[in-house]
Amino acid sequence: MPSAAPIHGVGIVSPETHQVRSHGPFQLRRIHPGISLDQQDDAGFGGLGVIDHARLQPGLVIRMHEHRNDEIISYMRSGRMLHTDSAGRSEVISPDRLMVMNAGRGFYHEEKVLGDDQIEMLQIFVRPEAADAEPNVQFVALDEAERDGQWRLLAGPEGSDAPTFLRQALYLYDTHLPAGRSTELPSKPGFDRWLYVFRGSVVAGEHKAGKHTALMFAGDGISPRVEVSEDADLVVFLVDRNARYSREGTISG
């Protein structure tokens, strides 16, 4: 596996780099989080392979389909979805209920939009440390109040204190901040940071980032304080880009 491309200053992944698709009730922005790093044959950000920012309309059903060697985080900000899978589970996921699928050597699932509200969500495809592990699925209840004004930890490596685990050296946090507030990003030694503006607008040093824009910060650099210029929903990934990962995933590879 080649060494990670360096981040010089603050890196930017702009909405113009997204693959935008629209198929009736299904609208999608496919984000390649390392596309601006000019890494040969790899647009990922270490173990962070692909992110889909999706809008799903009421009544939509995505029929049973398979994933292999993807660690999939279903992070929702609006709406409700019924998940059904090959393990016989049927669970509702929503902004206060997170799902992580560790697809491993193979896992099938179906998704159905419930009720009359549009879903807006991120489906995050993480590259596992190694291929063909045991399949697994996790659900966890979230307290929405915990993210207001502070960083809420959602997922982390096996053995961490995160409520869900990933088979990769990667952490996911989120927060909601009103206009006029500011924040420092979570950090860990050896981990680079990838900040995504789900909604709103922020300023970090000389860089302004609106909705659908991401900023990258090197782990050994000093990231500027993030100032919120418009009420913002933010997510940040901490990624050890030198950790081992498999590229055999259905989508994450």
C-alpha atoms as a PDB file:
ATOM      1  CA  MET A   1       0.000   0.000   0.000  1.00  0.00           C
ATOM      2  CA  PRO A   2       1.549   3.375  -0.984  1.00  0.00           C
ATOM      3  CA  SER A   3       2.186   5.968   1.707  1.00  0.00           C
ATOM      4  CA  ALA A   4      -0.486   8.644   2.140  1.00  0.00           C
ATOM      5  CA  ALA A   5      -0.177  11.801   0.042  1.00  0.00           C
ATOM      6  CA  PRO A   6       0.645  14.805   2.248  1.00  0.00           C
ATOM      7  CA  ILE A   7      -1.878  17.543   2.984  1.00  0.00           C
ATOM      8  CA  HIS A   8      -0.353  20.976   2.426  1.00  0.00           C
ATOM      9  CA  GLY A   9      -2.079  23.634   4.514  1.00  0.00           C
ATOM     10  CA  VAL A  10      -5.834  23.141   4.338  1.00  0.00           C
ATOM     11  CA  GLY A  11      -7.046  20.796   1.605  1.00  0.00           C
ATOM     12  CA  ILE A  12     -10.449  21.336  -0.028  1.00  0.00           C
ATOM     13  CA  VAL A  13     -12.898  18.904  -1.616  1.00  0.00           C
ATOM     14  CA  SER A  14     -15.378  21.085  -3.470  1.00  0.00           C
ATOM     15  CA  PRO A  15     -18.900  20.127  -4.617  1.00  0.00           C
ATOM     16  CA  GLU A  16     -17.699  20.420  -8.221  1.00  0.00           C
ATOM     17  CA  THR A  17     -15.752  17.166  -7.723  1.00  0.00           C
ATOM     18  CA  HIS A  18     -18.874  15.172  -6.739  1.00  0.00           C
ATOM     19  CA  GLN A  19     -20.586  12.708  -9.046  1.00  0.00           C
ATOM     20  CA  VAL A  20     -24.210  13.918  -9.004  1.00  0.00           C
ATOM     21  CA  ARG A  21     -26.929  11.450  -9.973  1.00  0.00           C
ATOM     22  CA  SER A  22     -30.711  11.741 -10.019  1.00  0.00           C
ATOM     23  CA  HIS A  23     -33.070   8.847 -10.695  1.00  0.00           C
ATOM     24  CA  GLY A  24     -36.611   9.940  -9.865  1.00  0.00           C
ATOM     25  CA  PRO A  25     -37.067   9.606  -6.093  1.00  0.00           C
ATOM     26  CA  PHE A  26     -33.332   8.972  -5.583  1.00  0.00           C
ATOM     27  CA  GLN A  27     -30.836  11.856  -5.660  1.00  0.00           C
ATOM     28  CA  LEU A  28     -27.187  11.269  -4.852  1.00  0.00           C
ATOM     29  CA  ARG A  29     -23.888  13.095  -4.512  1.00  0.00           C
ATOM     30  CA  ARG A  30     -21.010  10.601  -4.583  1.00  0.00           C
ATOM     31  CA  ILE A  31     -17.996  12.099  -2.840  1.00  0.00           C
ATOM     32  CA  HIS A  32     -14.461  10.779  -3.238  1.00  0.00           C
ATOM     33  CA  PRO A  33     -12.845  12.230  -0.129  1.00  0.00           C
ATOM     34  CA  GLY A  34      -9.238  12.207  -1.351  1.00  0.00           C
ATOM     35  CA  ILE A  35      -9.862  13.318  -4.915  1.00  0.00           C
ATOM     36  CA  SER A  36      -8.012  16.630  -4.522  1.00  0.00           C
ATOM     37  CA  LEU A  37      -4.840  14.928  -3.209  1.00  0.00           C
ATOM     38  CA  ASP A  38      -3.894  13.628  -6.690  1.00  0.00           C
ATOM     39  CA  GLN A  39      -3.067  10.139  -5.437  1.00  0.00           C
ATOM     40  CA  GLN A  40      -2.418   7.762  -8.313  1.00  0.00           C
ATOM     41  CA  ASP A  41      -5.351   5.365  -8.840  1.00  0.00           C
ATOM     42  CA  ASP A  42      -6.932   6.194  -5.463  1.00  0.00           C
ATOM     43  CA  ALA A  43      -9.451   8.946  -4.681  1.00  0.00           C
ATOM     44  CA  GLY A  44      -9.980   7.757  -1.108  1.00  0.00           C
ATOM     45  CA  PHE A  45      -8.739   9.316   2.123  1.00  0.00           C
ATOM     46  CA  GLY A  46      -6.910   6.325   3.584  1.00  0.00           C
ATOM     47  CA  GLY A  47      -9.565   3.991   5.004  1.00  0.00           C
ATOM     48  CA  LEU A  48     -12.335   6.478   4.175  1.00  0.00           C
ATOM     49  CA  GLY A  49     -13.326   5.207   0.736  1.00  0.00           C
ATOM     50  CA  VAL A  50     -16.523   6.865  -0.532  1.00  0.00           C
ATOM     51  CA  ILE A  51     -19.336   9.010   0.901  1.00  0.00           C
ATOM     52  CA  ASP A  52     -22.810   9.230  -0.627  1.00  0.00           C
ATOM     53  CA  HIS A  53     -24.853  12.309   0.356  1.00  0.00           C
ATOM     54  CA  ALA A  54     -28.334  11.101  -0.560  1.00  0.00           C
ATOM     55  CA  ARG A  55     -31.896  12.390  -0.701  1.00  0.00           C
ATOM     56  CA  LEU A  56     -34.582   9.699  -0.836  1.00  0.00           C
ATOM     57  CA  GLN A  57     -38.236  10.498  -1.457  1.00  0.00           C
ATOM     58  CA  PRO A  58     -41.244   8.929   0.343  1.00  0.00           C
ATOM     59  CA  GLY A  59     -42.212   5.495  -0.960  1.00  0.00           C
ATOM     60  CA  LEU A  60     -38.774   4.617  -2.341  1.00  0.00           C
ATOM     61  CA  VAL A  61     -37.651   1.000  -1.887  1.00  0.00           C
ATOM     62  CA  ILE A  62     -34.064  -0.066  -2.634  1.00  0.00           C
ATOM     63  CA  ARG A  63     -34.401  -3.809  -3.130  1.00  0.00           C
ATOM     64  CA  MET A  64     -32.232  -6.444  -1.480  1.00  0.00           C
ATOM     65  CA  HIS A  65     -28.621  -6.143  -2.654  1.00  0.00           C
ATOM     66  CA  GLU A  66     -25.212  -7.352  -1.512  1.00  0.00           C
ATOM     67  CA  HIS A  67     -22.151  -5.611  -0.094  1.00  0.00           C
ATOM     68  CA  ARG A  68     -18.770  -7.201   0.446  1.00  0.00           C
ATOM     69  CA  ASN A  69     -15.847  -5.788   2.419  1.00  0.00           C
ATOM     70  CA  ASP A  70     -17.496  -2.426   3.084  1.00  0.00           C
ATOM     71  CA  GLU A  71     -17.887  -0.957   6.575  1.00  0.00           C
ATOM     72  CA  ILE A  72     -21.076   1.089   6.012  1.00  0.00           C
ATOM     73  CA  ILE A  73     -22.285   3.870   8.309  1.00  0.00           C
ATOM     74  CA  SER A  74     -25.864   5.047   7.674  1.00  0.00           C
ATOM     75  CA  TYR A  75     -26.000   8.567   9.138  1.00  0.00           C
ATOM     76  CA  MET A  76     -29.388  10.288   8.812  1.00  0.00           C
ATOM     77  CA  ARG A  77     -30.337  13.909   9.433  1.00  0.00           C
ATOM     78  CA  SER A  78     -34.020  13.707   8.402  1.00  0.00           C
ATOM     79  CA  GLY A  79     -36.640  11.055   7.726  1.00  0.00           C
ATOM     80  CA  ARG A  80     -36.983   7.389   8.696  1.00  0.00           C
ATOM     81  CA  MET A  81     -35.885   4.231   6.916  1.00  0.00           C
ATOM     82  CA  LEU A  82     -36.727   0.557   7.386  1.00  0.00           C
ATOM     83  CA  HIS A  83     -33.673  -1.688   7.095  1.00  0.00           C
ATOM     84  CA  THR A  84     -34.147  -5.403   6.378  1.00  0.00           C
ATOM     85  CA  ASP A  85     -31.179  -7.753   5.981  1.00  0.00           C
ATOM     86  CA  SER A  86     -30.013 -11.269   5.257  1.00  0.00           C
ATOM     87  CA  ALA A  87     -29.529 -11.923   8.980  1.00  0.00           C
ATOM     88  CA  GLY A  88     -33.322 -11.648   9.389  1.00  0.00           C
ATOM     89  CA  ARG A  89     -33.276  -8.292  11.152  1.00  0.00           C
ATOM     90  CA  SER A  90     -35.765  -5.517  10.454  1.00  0.00           C
ATOM     91  CA  GLU A  91     -34.961  -2.193  12.130  1.00  0.00           C
ATOM     92  CA  VAL A  92     -35.930   1.467  11.743  1.00  0.00           C
ATOM     93  CA  ILE A  93     -33.053   3.956  11.435  1.00  0.00           C
ATOM     94  CA  SER A  94     -33.448   7.716  11.834  1.00  0.00           C
ATOM     95  CA  PRO A  95     -31.560  10.787  13.124  1.00  0.00           C
ATOM     96  CA  ASP A  96     -31.696   9.284  16.617  1.00  0.00           C
ATOM     97  CA  ARG A  97     -30.818   5.711  15.562  1.00  0.00           C
ATOM     98  CA  LEU A  98     -27.523   4.947  13.821  1.00  0.00           C
ATOM     99  CA  MET A  99     -26.697   1.822  11.825  1.00  0.00           C
ATOM    100  CA  VAL A 100     -23.269   0.384  11.008  1.00  0.00           C
ATOM    101  CA  MET A 101     -22.953  -2.648   8.732  1.00  0.00           C
ATOM    102  CA  ASN A 102     -19.653  -4.513   8.760  1.00  0.00           C
ATOM    103  CA  ALA A 103     -20.300  -6.377   5.510  1.00  0.00           C
ATOM    104  CA  GLY A 104     -17.226  -8.600   5.629  1.00  0.00           C
ATOM    105  CA  ARG A 105     -17.384 -11.569   3.266  1.00  0.00           C
ATOM    106  CA  GLY A 106     -20.985 -10.772   2.280  1.00  0.00           C
ATOM    107  CA  PHE A 107     -24.152  -9.144   3.583  1.00  0.00           C
ATOM    108  CA  TYR A 108     -27.504  -8.404   1.888  1.00  0.00           C
ATOM    109  CA  HIS A 109     -29.902  -5.612   2.852  1.00  0.00           C
ATOM    110  CA  GLU A 110     -32.979  -3.692   1.661  1.00  0.00           C
ATOM    111  CA  GLU A 111     -33.991  -0.100   2.466  1.00  0.00           C
ATOM    112  CA  LYS A 112     -37.471   1.446   2.440  1.00  0.00           C
ATOM    113  CA  VAL A 113     -38.375   5.095   3.108  1.00  0.00           C
ATOM    114  CA  LEU A 114     -41.080   5.319   5.774  1.00  0.00           C
ATOM    115  CA  GLY A 115     -43.725   8.004   6.203  1.00  0.00           C
ATOM    116  CA  ASP A 116     -44.164  11.232   4.246  1.00  0.00           C
ATOM    117  CA  ASP A 117     -40.822  12.897   4.984  1.00  0.00           C
ATOM    118  CA  GLN A 118     -37.827  13.023   2.668  1.00  0.00           C
ATOM    119  CA  ILE A 119     -34.666  11.335   3.912  1.00  0.00           C
ATOM    120  CA  GLU A 120     -31.397  13.242   3.819  1.00  0.00           C
ATOM    121  CA  MET A 121     -28.428  11.173   4.883  1.00  0.00           C
ATOM    122  CA  LEU A 122     -24.818  10.171   4.435  1.00  0.00           C
ATOM    123  CA  GLN A 123     -24.006   6.591   3.576  1.00  0.00           C
ATOM    124  CA  ILE A 124     -20.336   6.251   4.403  1.00  0.00           C
ATOM    125  CA  PHE A 125     -18.244   3.426   2.929  1.00  0.00           C
ATOM    126  CA  VAL A 126     -15.133   2.652   4.972  1.00  0.00           C
ATOM    127  CA  ARG A 127     -12.402   0.269   3.819  1.00  0.00           C
ATOM    128  CA  PRO A 128     -11.841  -2.512   6.368  1.00  0.00           C
ATOM    129  CA  GLU A 129      -8.392  -3.392   7.596  1.00  0.00           C
ATOM    130  CA  ALA A 130      -8.645  -6.797   5.915  1.00  0.00           C
ATOM    131  CA  ALA A 131     -11.073  -8.519   3.538  1.00  0.00           C
ATOM    132  CA  ASP A 132     -13.572 -11.311   4.196  1.00  0.00           C
ATOM    133  CA  ALA A 133     -14.160 -10.858   7.915  1.00  0.00           C
ATOM    134  CA  GLU A 134     -17.305 -12.102   9.659  1.00  0.00           C
ATOM    135  CA  PRO A 135     -20.426 -10.087   8.654  1.00  0.00           C
ATOM    136  CA  ASN A 136     -22.036  -7.992  11.379  1.00  0.00           C
ATOM    137  CA  VAL A 137     -24.660  -5.249  11.818  1.00  0.00           C
ATOM    138  CA  GLN A 138     -24.994  -2.729  14.664  1.00  0.00           C
ATOM    139  CA  PHE A 139     -27.769  -0.353  15.764  1.00  0.00           C
ATOM    140  CA  VAL A 140     -27.420   2.262  18.483  1.00  0.00           C
ATOM    141  CA  ALA A 141     -29.782   4.880  19.903  1.00  0.00           C
ATOM    142  CA  LEU A 142     -28.455   8.445  19.822  1.00  0.00           C
ATOM    143  CA  ASP A 143     -29.317  11.437  21.984  1.00  0.00           C
ATOM    144  CA  GLU A 144     -29.774  14.385  19.624  1.00  0.00           C
ATOM    145  CA  ALA A 145     -29.194  16.843  22.487  1.00  0.00           C
ATOM    146  CA  GLU A 146     -25.631  15.550  22.882  1.00  0.00           C
ATOM    147  CA  ARG A 147     -24.503  17.014  19.555  1.00  0.00           C
ATOM    148  CA  ASP A 148     -25.735  20.576  20.133  1.00  0.00           C
ATOM    149  CA  GLY A 149     -22.634  22.675  20.647  1.00  0.00           C
ATOM    150  CA  GLN A 150     -20.241  19.786  21.175  1.00  0.00           C
ATOM    151  CA  TRP A 151     -18.695  16.949  19.190  1.00  0.00           C
ATOM    152  CA  ARG A 152     -20.590  13.660  19.538  1.00  0.00           C
ATOM    153  CA  LEU A 153     -18.612  10.457  18.931  1.00  0.00           C
ATOM    154  CA  LEU A 154     -20.555   8.056  16.672  1.00  0.00           C
ATOM    155  CA  ALA A 155     -18.116   5.379  15.497  1.00  0.00           C
ATOM    156  CA  GLY A 156     -14.541   4.305  16.086  1.00  0.00           C
ATOM    157  CA  PRO A 157     -12.098   1.394  15.781  1.00  0.00           C
ATOM    158  CA  GLU A 158     -12.751  -1.881  17.569  1.00  0.00           C
ATOM    159  CA  GLY A 159     -11.818  -1.501  21.229  1.00  0.00           C
ATOM    160  CA  SER A 160     -12.414   2.276  21.316  1.00  0.00           C
ATOM    161  CA  ASP A 161     -15.034   3.974  23.502  1.00  0.00           C
ATOM    162  CA  ALA A 162     -17.258   4.748  20.489  1.00  0.00           C
ATOM    163  CA  PRO A 163     -20.838   3.371  20.549  1.00  0.00           C
ATOM    164  CA  THR A 164     -20.295   1.496  17.252  1.00  0.00           C
ATOM    165  CA  PHE A 165     -17.128  -0.087  15.876  1.00  0.00           C
ATOM    166  CA  LEU A 166     -15.367  -0.103  12.535  1.00  0.00           C
ATOM    167  CA  ARG A 167     -12.665  -2.514  11.447  1.00  0.00           C
ATOM    168  CA  GLN A 168     -10.466   0.446  10.543  1.00  0.00           C
ATOM    169  CA  ALA A 169      -8.442   3.188  12.280  1.00  0.00           C
ATOM    170  CA  LEU A 170     -11.165   5.814  11.791  1.00  0.00           C
ATOM    171  CA  TYR A 171     -13.397   7.885  14.085  1.00  0.00           C
ATOM    172  CA  LEU A 172     -16.612   9.737  13.172  1.00  0.00           C
ATOM    173  CA  TYR A 173     -18.023  12.714  15.106  1.00  0.00           C
ATOM    174  CA  ASP A 174     -20.861  15.154  14.464  1.00  0.00           C
ATOM    175  CA  THR A 175     -22.141  18.422  15.900  1.00  0.00           C
ATOM    176  CA  HIS A 176     -24.709  21.195  15.380  1.00  0.00           C
ATOM    177  CA  LEU A 177     -23.603  24.790  15.896  1.00  0.00           C
ATOM    178  CA  PRO A 178     -25.599  28.013  15.471  1.00  0.00           C
ATOM    179  CA  ALA A 179     -24.259  31.014  13.558  1.00  0.00           C
ATOM    180  CA  GLY A 180     -21.722  33.001  15.540  1.00  0.00           C
ATOM    181  CA  ARG A 181     -20.306  30.008  17.403  1.00  0.00           C
ATOM    182  CA  SER A 182     -16.873  28.484  16.876  1.00  0.00           C
ATOM    183  CA  THR A 183     -15.251  25.141  17.606  1.00  0.00           C
ATOM    184  CA  GLU A 184     -11.980  23.266  17.603  1.00  0.00           C
ATOM    185  CA  LEU A 185     -11.908  19.967  15.740  1.00  0.00           C
ATOM    186  CA  PRO A 186     -11.407  16.702  17.609  1.00  0.00           C
ATOM    187  CA  SER A 187      -7.873  15.372  17.208  1.00  0.00           C
ATOM    188  CA  LYS A 188      -5.759  12.303  17.900  1.00  0.00           C
ATOM    189  CA  PRO A 189      -2.005  11.822  17.342  1.00  0.00           C
ATOM    190  CA  GLY A 190      -1.298  10.360  13.912  1.00  0.00           C
ATOM    191  CA  PHE A 191      -4.832  10.985  12.568  1.00  0.00           C
ATOM    192  CA  ASP A 192      -5.666  13.415   9.744  1.00  0.00           C
ATOM    193  CA  ARG A 193      -9.023  15.200   9.811  1.00  0.00           C
ATOM    194  CA  TRP A 194     -11.699  15.474   7.110  1.00  0.00           C
ATOM    195  CA  LEU A 195     -14.455  17.988   7.948  1.00  0.00           C
ATOM    196  CA  TYR A 196     -17.703  17.965   5.949  1.00  0.00           C
ATOM    197  CA  VAL A 197     -20.365  20.681   5.965  1.00  0.00           C
ATOM    198  CA  PHE A 198     -23.646  18.786   5.825  1.00  0.00           C
ATOM    199  CA  ARG A 199     -25.626  22.020   6.199  1.00  0.00           C
ATOM    200  CA  GLY A 200     -24.743  25.658   6.732  1.00  0.00           C
ATOM    201  CA  SER A 201     -21.461  27.490   6.253  1.00  0.00           C
ATOM    202  CA  VAL A 202     -18.173  27.791   8.145  1.00  0.00           C
ATOM    203  CA  VAL A 203     -14.880  29.662   7.939  1.00  0.00           C
ATOM    204  CA  ALA A 204     -11.554  28.060   8.868  1.00  0.00           C
ATOM    205  CA  GLY A 205      -8.696  30.545   8.639  1.00  0.00           C
ATOM    206  CA  GLU A 206      -8.782  31.932   5.101  1.00  0.00           C
ATOM    207  CA  HIS A 207     -11.080  29.202   3.826  1.00  0.00           C
ATOM    208  CA  LYS A 208     -14.865  29.405   3.601  1.00  0.00           C
ATOM    209  CA  ALA A 209     -16.815  26.166   3.240  1.00  0.00           C
ATOM    210  CA  GLY A 210     -20.517  25.992   2.459  1.00  0.00           C
ATOM    211  CA  LYS A 211     -22.881  23.052   2.229  1.00  0.00           C
ATOM    212  CA  HIS A 212     -21.407  19.945   0.548  1.00  0.00           C
ATOM    213  CA  THR A 213     -17.811  21.200   0.944  1.00  0.00           C
ATOM    214  CA  ALA A 214     -15.073  19.411   2.880  1.00  0.00           C
ATOM    215  CA  LEU A 215     -11.831  20.677   4.423  1.00  0.00           C
ATOM    216  CA  MET A 216      -8.820  18.450   5.134  1.00  0.00           C
ATOM    217  CA  PHE A 217      -6.282  19.038   7.884  1.00  0.00           C
ATOM    218  CA  ALA A 218      -3.027  17.158   8.449  1.00  0.00           C
ATOM    219  CA  GLY A 219      -2.763  15.410  11.786  1.00  0.00           C
ATOM    220  CA  ASP A 220       0.603  16.989  12.576  1.00  0.00           C
ATOM    221  CA  GLY A 221      -0.555  20.470  11.598  1.00  0.00           C
ATOM    222  CA  ILE A 222      -2.426  23.088  13.571  1.00  0.00           C
ATOM    223  CA  SER A 223      -5.971  23.429  12.287  1.00  0.00           C
ATOM    224  CA  PRO A 224      -7.555  26.880  12.531  1.00  0.00           C
ATOM    225  CA  ARG A 225     -10.571  27.379  14.724  1.00  0.00           C
ATOM    226  CA  VAL A 226     -13.778  26.765  12.766  1.00  0.00           C
ATOM    227  CA  GLU A 227     -16.147  29.745  12.841  1.00  0.00           C
ATOM    228  CA  VAL A 228     -19.806  29.167  11.990  1.00  0.00           C
ATOM    229  CA  SER A 229     -21.248  31.829   9.673  1.00  0.00           C
ATOM    230  CA  GLU A 230     -24.599  30.069   9.062  1.00  0.00           C
ATOM    231  CA  ASP A 231     -26.269  27.498  11.349  1.00  0.00           C
ATOM    232  CA  ALA A 232     -24.312  24.329  10.595  1.00  0.00           C
ATOM    233  CA  ASP A 233     -24.521  20.546  10.833  1.00  0.00           C
ATOM    234  CA  LEU A 234     -20.962  19.234  10.650  1.00  0.00           C
ATOM    235  CA  VAL A 235     -19.320  15.834  10.573  1.00  0.00           C
ATOM    236  CA  VAL A 236     -15.615  15.139  10.972  1.00  0.00           C
ATOM    237  CA  PHE A 237     -13.608  12.000  10.331  1.00  0.00           C
ATOM    238  CA  LEU A 238     -10.313  11.283  12.037  1.00  0.00           C
ATOM    239  CA  VAL A 239      -8.357   8.888   9.817  1.00  0.00           C
ATOM    240  CA  ASP A 240      -4.977   7.220  10.253  1.00  0.00           C
ATOM    241  CA  ARG A 241      -4.152   7.246   6.558  1.00  0.00           C
ATOM    242  CA  ASN A 242      -1.091   5.059   7.093  1.00  0.00           C
ATOM    243  CA  ALA A 243      -3.172   2.227   8.590  1.00  0.00           C
ATOM    244  CA  ARG A 244      -3.609  -0.915   6.509  1.00  0.00           C
ATOM    245  CA  TYR A 245      -6.826  -1.228   4.458  1.00  0.00           C
ATOM    246  CA  SER A 246      -8.397  -3.521   1.879  1.00  0.00           C
ATOM    247  CA  ARG A 247      -9.637  -2.197  -1.457  1.00  0.00           C
ATOM    248  CA  GLU A 248     -11.837  -5.218  -2.173  1.00  0.00           C
ATOM    249  CA  GLY A 249     -15.043  -3.475  -1.069  1.00  0.00           C
ATOM    250  CA  THR A 250     -18.131  -3.363  -3.289  1.00  0.00           C
ATOM    251  CA  ILE A 251     -18.100   0.441  -3.119  1.00  0.00           C
ATOM    252  CA  SER A 252     -15.412   1.526  -0.634  1.00  0.00           C
ATOM    253  CA  GLY A 253     -12.529   0.144  -2.718  1.00  0.00           C
END
